[in-house]
Amino acid sequence: MRNGAEVTTRVAARLSIRDEAKPLLLIAAVLLGIVLNRLLGAGVSWLIWVVQIGVFFVILAVMLPVEIKDVSKAFRKVKPTAIALLINFVFIPIFIWTMGWLFLRPFPDVWAGVILYALTPCIGWYLIFTDLAEGDVAWGMALLPWNITLQVLLMPLYLWFLVGKVLPLDLHALLTSVVLYLIAPFVLAYLLQRWLIARYGRDFFFGRVKRTLGEVKLWALVVVIVSMFASQRSVALADVGLVTLIIGVLLLFFLVLFVLALTIGKLARLPYHENVTLAFTTTARNPEVVIGVALSAFPGQPLVYFAIILGPIVELPVLLLIARVLLTLRDRLWSSGAPVHHVNG
């Protein structure tokens, strides 16, 4: 069995510098945006156009590498796929709303932001950690089109029945946000992907294009966050207690989901590599997609955006810890933990 130090070294080595730096970059982007807002005030209100265009691009870049035609592949593993989809799209929306009701009722903007952050399962990030913990990456990739398609289809219902109970939500704003920041990039990503593959081939698209998207997407997100906080009503971060409360709720969210994934995986007798994938597809979230929705549906409410952006800052170290815990528990809880598939590169 690998000891803790060896596992930590292995995990860190398999993450790119971009991945390791993401939480620090997001924190720096928020702070820079707030500083610009305080220094320039209304003079940077035009940056809202940068935010809107940038968010659309980021969401497009998130959706572009996902092949929707691969939906059927997930049902080569019917039982674990059904479990993953039920947790992601039934349990989590109800659970995160309930957590907000318990802990965040005095702060409705934050409550709405935490709900939005938790609603959308990750469509790529979690594969890195699935591979780190020697999970079933092939099945994880087959879940991607399900995750993105159900996000687009169910988001209007989640917004209306969950988020709309927390903050007032105009039906026109809801429809506009869903069309602009979910349906439009979803359709455009599908058409653009088909055209690029037909013109340049799959190796080029899933090689050079996908790698470039990963780099550009992060920096585009940084620009979006800076512009978002610079152009909106000033947000005060002096309330350390509120920030601590948000982080505590997010940590509890991740802890419950991890324990739930392990428990259900053991009850369903999933092998180690499938249980790893189940754990990461139900814990890792997709904040890039909901930032655009939040911006359109809740303009001028920066605490909503701040709660969303805190999510990945907490998420990265949690996912690293989960990878370490899974590798440590493998020989104790599973009789066979041989790895099956890994991400190339």
Protein backbone atom coordinates (compact mmCIF):
# COMPACT_ATOMS: atom_id res chain seq x y z
CA MET A 1 0.00 0.00 0.00
CA ARG A 2 1.21 3.51 -0.82
CA ASN A 3 1.89 5.70 2.18
CA GLY A 4 0.35 9.17 2.51
CA ALA A 5 3.42 11.11 1.34
CA GLU A 6 3.80 8.96 -1.78
CA VAL A 7 0.14 9.42 -2.68
CA THR A 8 0.33 13.19 -2.21
CA THR A 9 3.45 13.41 -4.40
CA ARG A 10 1.81 11.29 -7.09
CA VAL A 11 -1.36 13.37 -7.08
CA ALA A 12 0.51 16.66 -7.26
CA ALA A 13 2.70 15.40 -10.08
CA ARG A 14 -0.30 14.43 -12.22
CA LEU A 15 -1.91 17.91 -12.04
CA SER A 16 -0.72 20.63 -14.39
CA ILE A 17 0.56 23.93 -13.06
CA ARG A 18 -2.63 25.49 -14.43
CA ASP A 19 -4.77 23.14 -12.35
CA GLU A 20 -2.79 23.69 -9.16
CA ALA A 21 -2.85 27.47 -9.59
CA LYS A 22 -6.58 27.72 -10.36
CA PRO A 23 -7.80 28.54 -6.80
CA LEU A 24 -5.13 31.24 -6.37
CA LEU A 25 -5.92 32.74 -9.76
CA LEU A 26 -9.64 32.89 -8.96
CA ILE A 27 -8.99 34.55 -5.58
CA ALA A 28 -6.64 37.07 -7.24
CA ALA A 29 -9.23 37.80 -9.94
CA VAL A 30 -11.94 38.53 -7.35
CA LEU A 31 -9.64 40.82 -5.35
CA LEU A 32 -8.40 42.66 -8.45
CA GLY A 33 -11.97 43.22 -9.62
CA ILE A 34 -12.96 44.65 -6.22
CA VAL A 35 -9.92 46.94 -6.17
CA LEU A 36 -10.73 48.23 -9.67
CA ASN A 37 -14.32 48.82 -8.60
CA ARG A 38 -13.21 50.85 -5.58
CA LEU A 39 -10.65 52.86 -7.58
CA LEU A 40 -12.66 53.54 -10.73
CA GLY A 41 -16.27 53.15 -9.62
CA ALA A 42 -18.81 53.64 -12.41
CA GLY A 43 -15.98 54.33 -14.86
CA VAL A 44 -15.69 50.63 -15.65
CA SER A 45 -19.39 49.86 -16.04
CA TRP A 46 -18.72 49.12 -19.73
CA LEU A 47 -16.91 45.96 -18.61
CA ILE A 48 -20.29 44.27 -18.32
CA TRP A 49 -20.02 43.69 -22.08
CA VAL A 50 -16.67 41.96 -21.54
CA VAL A 51 -18.33 39.78 -18.92
CA GLN A 52 -21.24 38.77 -21.15
CA ILE A 53 -19.05 37.94 -24.16
CA GLY A 54 -16.43 36.23 -21.99
CA VAL A 55 -18.96 34.08 -20.14
CA PHE A 56 -20.45 32.90 -23.42
CA PHE A 57 -16.98 31.96 -24.67
CA VAL A 58 -16.07 30.13 -21.44
CA ILE A 59 -19.29 28.09 -21.52
CA LEU A 60 -18.74 27.32 -25.21
CA ALA A 61 -15.19 26.16 -24.42
CA VAL A 62 -16.50 23.93 -21.60
CA MET A 63 -19.10 22.29 -23.85
CA LEU A 64 -17.08 22.03 -27.06
CA PRO A 65 -15.03 18.86 -26.30
CA VAL A 66 -18.08 16.84 -25.12
CA GLU A 67 -19.46 14.41 -27.72
CA ILE A 68 -23.22 14.24 -27.27
CA LYS A 69 -23.47 11.23 -29.58
CA ASP A 70 -21.72 9.14 -26.92
CA VAL A 71 -24.76 9.22 -24.58
CA SER A 72 -25.48 5.51 -25.12
CA LYS A 73 -21.98 4.45 -24.00
CA ALA A 74 -22.78 5.16 -20.35
CA PHE A 75 -25.45 2.48 -20.35
CA ARG A 76 -22.91 -0.24 -20.88
CA LYS A 77 -22.77 0.23 -17.09
CA VAL A 78 -26.47 0.57 -16.32
CA LYS A 79 -26.42 0.31 -12.52
CA PRO A 80 -23.60 2.77 -11.73
CA THR A 81 -24.83 5.21 -14.39
CA ALA A 82 -28.34 5.22 -12.93
CA ILE A 83 -26.89 5.82 -9.44
CA ALA A 84 -24.69 8.69 -10.65
CA LEU A 85 -27.54 10.43 -12.49
CA LEU A 86 -29.94 10.08 -9.57
CA ILE A 87 -27.42 11.58 -7.15
CA ASN A 88 -26.46 14.43 -9.48
CA PHE A 89 -29.88 15.45 -10.72
CA VAL A 90 -32.30 14.41 -7.96
CA PHE A 91 -30.50 14.16 -4.62
CA ILE A 92 -28.04 17.07 -4.93
CA PRO A 93 -30.58 19.79 -5.91
CA ILE A 94 -32.82 18.86 -2.97
CA PHE A 95 -29.87 18.43 -0.61
CA ILE A 96 -28.18 21.76 -1.39
CA TRP A 97 -31.47 23.68 -1.11
CA THR A 98 -32.03 22.06 2.30
CA MET A 99 -28.50 22.92 3.44
CA GLY A 100 -29.09 26.52 2.42
CA TRP A 101 -32.36 26.58 4.33
CA LEU A 102 -30.57 25.30 7.43
CA PHE A 103 -27.49 27.54 7.31
CA LEU A 104 -27.90 30.43 4.84
CA ARG A 105 -31.44 31.77 5.22
CA PRO A 106 -30.23 35.14 6.60
CA PHE A 107 -28.13 35.58 3.42
CA PRO A 108 -30.41 34.87 0.42
CA ASP A 109 -27.86 36.07 -2.17
CA VAL A 110 -25.28 33.64 -0.82
CA TRP A 111 -27.90 30.88 -0.55
CA ALA A 112 -28.80 31.34 -4.23
CA GLY A 113 -25.13 31.33 -5.25
CA VAL A 114 -24.37 28.12 -3.35
CA ILE A 115 -27.40 26.43 -4.93
CA LEU A 116 -26.32 27.50 -8.41
CA TYR A 117 -22.76 26.29 -7.82
CA ALA A 118 -23.95 22.87 -6.67
CA LEU A 119 -26.56 22.27 -9.39
CA THR A 120 -24.25 21.47 -12.29
CA PRO A 121 -22.01 18.37 -12.20
CA CYS A 122 -18.57 18.76 -13.71
CA ILE A 123 -18.07 17.84 -17.37
CA GLY A 124 -14.31 17.38 -17.52
CA TRP A 125 -12.42 18.52 -14.41
CA TYR A 126 -13.37 15.40 -12.46
CA LEU A 127 -11.65 13.11 -14.99
CA ILE A 128 -8.26 14.35 -13.77
CA PHE A 129 -9.03 13.22 -10.24
CA THR A 130 -10.68 10.00 -11.40
CA ASP A 131 -7.42 9.15 -13.13
CA LEU A 132 -5.35 10.17 -10.10
CA ALA A 133 -7.27 7.74 -7.89
CA GLU A 134 -7.12 5.01 -10.58
CA GLY A 135 -10.83 5.02 -11.33
CA ASP A 136 -12.78 4.10 -14.46
CA VAL A 137 -12.00 7.04 -16.73
CA ALA A 138 -13.70 5.47 -19.74
CA TRP A 139 -17.02 5.32 -17.89
CA GLY A 140 -16.40 8.85 -16.60
CA MET A 141 -16.02 10.08 -20.17
CA ALA A 142 -19.24 8.28 -21.15
CA LEU A 143 -21.05 10.22 -18.40
CA LEU A 144 -19.99 13.60 -19.84
CA PRO A 145 -22.72 13.92 -22.50
CA TRP A 146 -25.36 12.91 -19.96
CA ASN A 147 -24.14 15.50 -17.48
CA ILE A 148 -24.09 18.35 -20.00
CA THR A 149 -27.40 17.44 -21.68
CA LEU A 150 -29.32 17.09 -18.41
CA GLN A 151 -27.83 20.35 -17.12
CA VAL A 152 -29.24 22.21 -20.10
CA LEU A 153 -32.64 20.51 -19.92
CA LEU A 154 -33.16 20.73 -16.16
CA MET A 155 -31.64 24.13 -15.36
CA PRO A 156 -34.87 26.10 -16.03
CA LEU A 157 -36.74 23.84 -13.58
CA TYR A 158 -34.02 24.15 -10.96
CA LEU A 159 -33.95 27.93 -11.32
CA TRP A 160 -37.70 28.32 -11.06
CA PHE A 161 -38.47 25.80 -8.30
CA LEU A 162 -35.30 26.06 -6.18
CA VAL A 163 -33.42 29.31 -6.74
CA GLY A 164 -36.65 31.23 -7.35
CA LYS A 165 -37.78 30.32 -3.83
CA VAL A 166 -34.71 32.08 -2.43
CA LEU A 167 -34.44 35.23 -4.57
CA PRO A 168 -37.12 36.88 -6.73
CA LEU A 169 -36.71 35.62 -10.28
CA ASP A 170 -38.35 37.18 -13.33
CA LEU A 171 -39.58 34.60 -15.87
CA HIS A 172 -38.20 36.64 -18.76
CA ALA A 173 -34.78 36.90 -17.09
CA LEU A 174 -34.83 33.17 -16.44
CA LEU A 175 -35.60 32.30 -20.07
CA THR A 176 -33.06 34.81 -21.36
CA SER A 177 -30.29 33.44 -19.14
CA VAL A 178 -31.01 29.83 -20.12
CA VAL A 179 -31.17 30.60 -23.86
CA LEU A 180 -28.08 32.83 -23.92
CA TYR A 181 -25.82 30.90 -21.60
CA LEU A 182 -26.94 27.28 -21.92
CA ILE A 183 -28.93 26.47 -25.05
CA ALA A 184 -27.07 28.77 -27.49
CA PRO A 185 -23.53 27.63 -26.53
CA PHE A 186 -24.74 24.01 -26.34
CA VAL A 187 -26.02 24.10 -29.94
CA LEU A 188 -23.07 26.14 -31.23
CA ALA A 189 -20.57 23.81 -29.53
CA TYR A 190 -22.17 20.77 -31.16
CA LEU A 191 -22.15 22.34 -34.65
CA LEU A 192 -18.63 23.71 -34.28
CA GLN A 193 -17.31 20.39 -33.01
CA ARG A 194 -18.82 18.51 -35.95
CA TRP A 195 -17.34 21.03 -38.42
CA LEU A 196 -13.86 21.00 -36.89
CA ILE A 197 -13.71 17.20 -36.78
CA ALA A 198 -14.97 16.90 -40.35
CA ARG A 199 -12.43 19.46 -41.59
CA TYR A 200 -9.34 18.68 -39.50
CA GLY A 201 -9.92 15.21 -38.05
CA ARG A 202 -10.49 13.81 -34.55
CA ASP A 203 -6.83 13.68 -33.59
CA PHE A 204 -6.40 17.39 -34.26
CA PHE A 205 -9.61 18.34 -32.45
CA PHE A 206 -9.15 16.19 -29.35
CA GLY A 207 -5.43 16.92 -29.30
CA ARG A 208 -4.36 20.45 -30.13
CA VAL A 209 -7.80 22.09 -30.02
CA LYS A 210 -8.77 20.54 -26.69
CA ARG A 211 -5.43 21.41 -25.06
CA THR A 212 -5.66 25.00 -26.31
CA LEU A 213 -9.21 25.30 -25.02
CA GLY A 214 -8.08 24.20 -21.56
CA GLU A 215 -5.47 26.97 -21.39
CA VAL A 216 -7.55 29.74 -22.94
CA LYS A 217 -10.66 28.86 -20.89
CA LEU A 218 -8.95 29.48 -17.55
CA TRP A 219 -7.56 32.87 -18.55
CA ALA A 220 -10.87 33.87 -20.10
CA LEU A 221 -12.55 32.96 -16.81
CA VAL A 222 -10.04 35.12 -14.92
CA VAL A 223 -10.83 38.08 -17.21
CA VAL A 224 -14.56 37.47 -16.72
CA ILE A 225 -14.26 37.44 -12.91
CA VAL A 226 -12.14 40.60 -12.81
CA SER A 227 -14.58 42.38 -15.12
CA MET A 228 -17.60 41.06 -13.24
CA PHE A 229 -16.53 42.39 -9.84
CA ALA A 230 -15.13 45.62 -11.31
CA SER A 231 -18.38 46.47 -13.12
CA GLN A 232 -20.94 45.47 -10.48
CA ARG A 233 -22.07 47.04 -7.22
CA SER A 234 -19.22 46.94 -4.72
CA VAL A 235 -19.06 43.85 -2.55
CA ALA A 236 -17.59 43.98 0.94
CA LEU A 237 -15.51 40.99 1.98
CA ALA A 238 -14.76 42.28 5.45
CA ASP A 239 -17.25 39.84 6.99
CA VAL A 240 -14.88 36.96 7.63
CA GLY A 241 -17.69 35.14 9.41
CA LEU A 242 -19.81 35.03 6.24
CA VAL A 243 -16.90 33.77 4.13
CA THR A 244 -16.20 31.12 6.77
CA LEU A 245 -19.86 30.10 6.77
CA ILE A 246 -19.88 29.66 2.98
CA ILE A 247 -16.70 27.56 3.11
CA GLY A 248 -18.13 25.48 5.96
CA VAL A 249 -21.34 24.76 4.02
CA LEU A 250 -19.34 23.79 0.93
CA LEU A 251 -17.05 21.50 2.95
CA LEU A 252 -20.08 19.80 4.50
CA PHE A 253 -21.60 19.45 1.03
CA PHE A 254 -18.49 17.68 -0.29
CA LEU A 255 -18.16 15.49 2.80
CA VAL A 256 -21.75 14.26 2.63
CA LEU A 257 -21.50 13.52 -1.10
CA PHE A 258 -18.24 11.62 -0.69
CA VAL A 259 -19.61 9.49 2.16
CA LEU A 260 -22.82 8.94 0.20
CA ALA A 261 -20.93 7.82 -2.90
CA LEU A 262 -18.84 5.37 -0.87
CA THR A 263 -21.86 4.02 0.99
CA ILE A 264 -24.04 3.54 -2.08
CA GLY A 265 -21.10 2.13 -4.02
CA LYS A 266 -20.49 -0.49 -1.35
CA LEU A 267 -24.20 -1.34 -1.03
CA ALA A 268 -24.43 -1.69 -4.82
CA ARG A 269 -21.21 -3.77 -4.79
CA LEU A 270 -19.44 -1.53 -7.27
CA PRO A 271 -15.78 -2.39 -7.87
CA TYR A 272 -13.17 0.11 -6.73
CA HIS A 273 -12.62 1.80 -10.10
CA GLU A 274 -16.36 2.43 -10.58
CA ASN A 275 -16.79 3.70 -7.03
CA VAL A 276 -13.94 6.18 -7.62
CA THR A 277 -15.67 7.56 -10.72
CA LEU A 278 -18.99 7.74 -8.87
CA ALA A 279 -17.33 9.70 -6.04
CA PHE A 280 -15.81 12.30 -8.35
CA THR A 281 -18.70 12.75 -10.76
CA THR A 282 -20.97 13.50 -7.80
CA THR A 283 -18.59 15.82 -5.92
CA ALA A 284 -16.92 17.87 -8.68
CA ARG A 285 -19.03 20.78 -9.92
CA ASN A 286 -19.13 22.98 -13.05
CA PRO A 287 -19.22 26.67 -11.96
CA GLU A 288 -18.31 28.11 -15.37
CA VAL A 289 -21.74 27.24 -16.73
CA VAL A 290 -23.79 28.83 -13.94
CA ILE A 291 -21.83 32.10 -13.78
CA GLY A 292 -23.51 33.26 -16.99
CA VAL A 293 -26.92 32.19 -15.73
CA ALA A 294 -26.37 34.04 -12.45
CA LEU A 295 -25.15 37.17 -14.19
CA SER A 296 -28.25 37.36 -16.39
CA ALA A 297 -30.82 36.23 -13.82
CA PHE A 298 -29.42 38.22 -10.84
CA PRO A 299 -27.74 41.39 -12.17
CA GLY A 300 -26.14 43.66 -9.61
CA GLN A 301 -25.99 41.00 -6.88
CA PRO A 302 -22.26 40.22 -6.55
CA LEU A 303 -22.65 38.01 -3.48
CA VAL A 304 -24.38 35.47 -5.73
CA TYR A 305 -21.31 35.40 -7.99
CA PHE A 306 -18.92 35.41 -5.04
CA ALA A 307 -20.55 32.30 -3.55
CA ILE A 308 -20.27 30.53 -6.91
CA ILE A 309 -16.59 31.44 -7.32
CA LEU A 310 -15.72 30.30 -3.79
CA GLY A 311 -16.87 26.82 -4.85
CA PRO A 312 -13.88 25.78 -7.00
CA ILE A 313 -11.49 27.45 -4.55
CA VAL A 314 -12.70 25.00 -1.91
CA GLU A 315 -13.21 22.17 -4.38
CA LEU A 316 -9.65 21.62 -5.61
CA PRO A 317 -8.03 20.76 -2.25
CA VAL A 318 -11.09 18.66 -1.36
CA LEU A 319 -10.79 16.61 -4.56
CA LEU A 320 -7.07 16.13 -3.96
CA LEU A 321 -7.85 14.88 -0.45
CA ILE A 322 -10.56 12.54 -1.76
CA ALA A 323 -8.08 11.05 -4.25
CA ARG A 324 -5.64 10.40 -1.43
CA VAL A 325 -8.31 8.89 0.85
CA LEU A 326 -9.60 6.58 -1.90
CA LEU A 327 -6.14 5.25 -2.67
CA THR A 328 -5.52 4.72 1.06
CA LEU A 329 -8.83 2.88 1.56
CA ARG A 330 -8.61 0.78 -1.60
CA ASP A 331 -6.95 -2.30 -0.11
CA ARG A 332 -9.06 -2.12 3.06
CA LEU A 333 -12.53 -1.80 1.50
CA TRP A 334 -12.17 -3.45 -1.92
CA SER A 335 -10.74 -6.88 -2.59
CA SER A 336 -9.54 -5.82 -6.03
CA GLY A 337 -8.59 -2.31 -6.94
CA ALA A 338 -6.72 -2.74 -10.19
CA PRO A 339 -6.90 0.33 -12.42
CA VAL A 340 -8.66 0.00 -15.77
CA HIS A 341 -8.40 3.09 -17.97
CA HIS A 342 -6.42 6.31 -17.76
CA VAL A 343 -6.44 9.66 -19.51
CA ASN A 344 -3.63 9.91 -22.01
CA GLY A 345 -1.15 12.66 -21.45
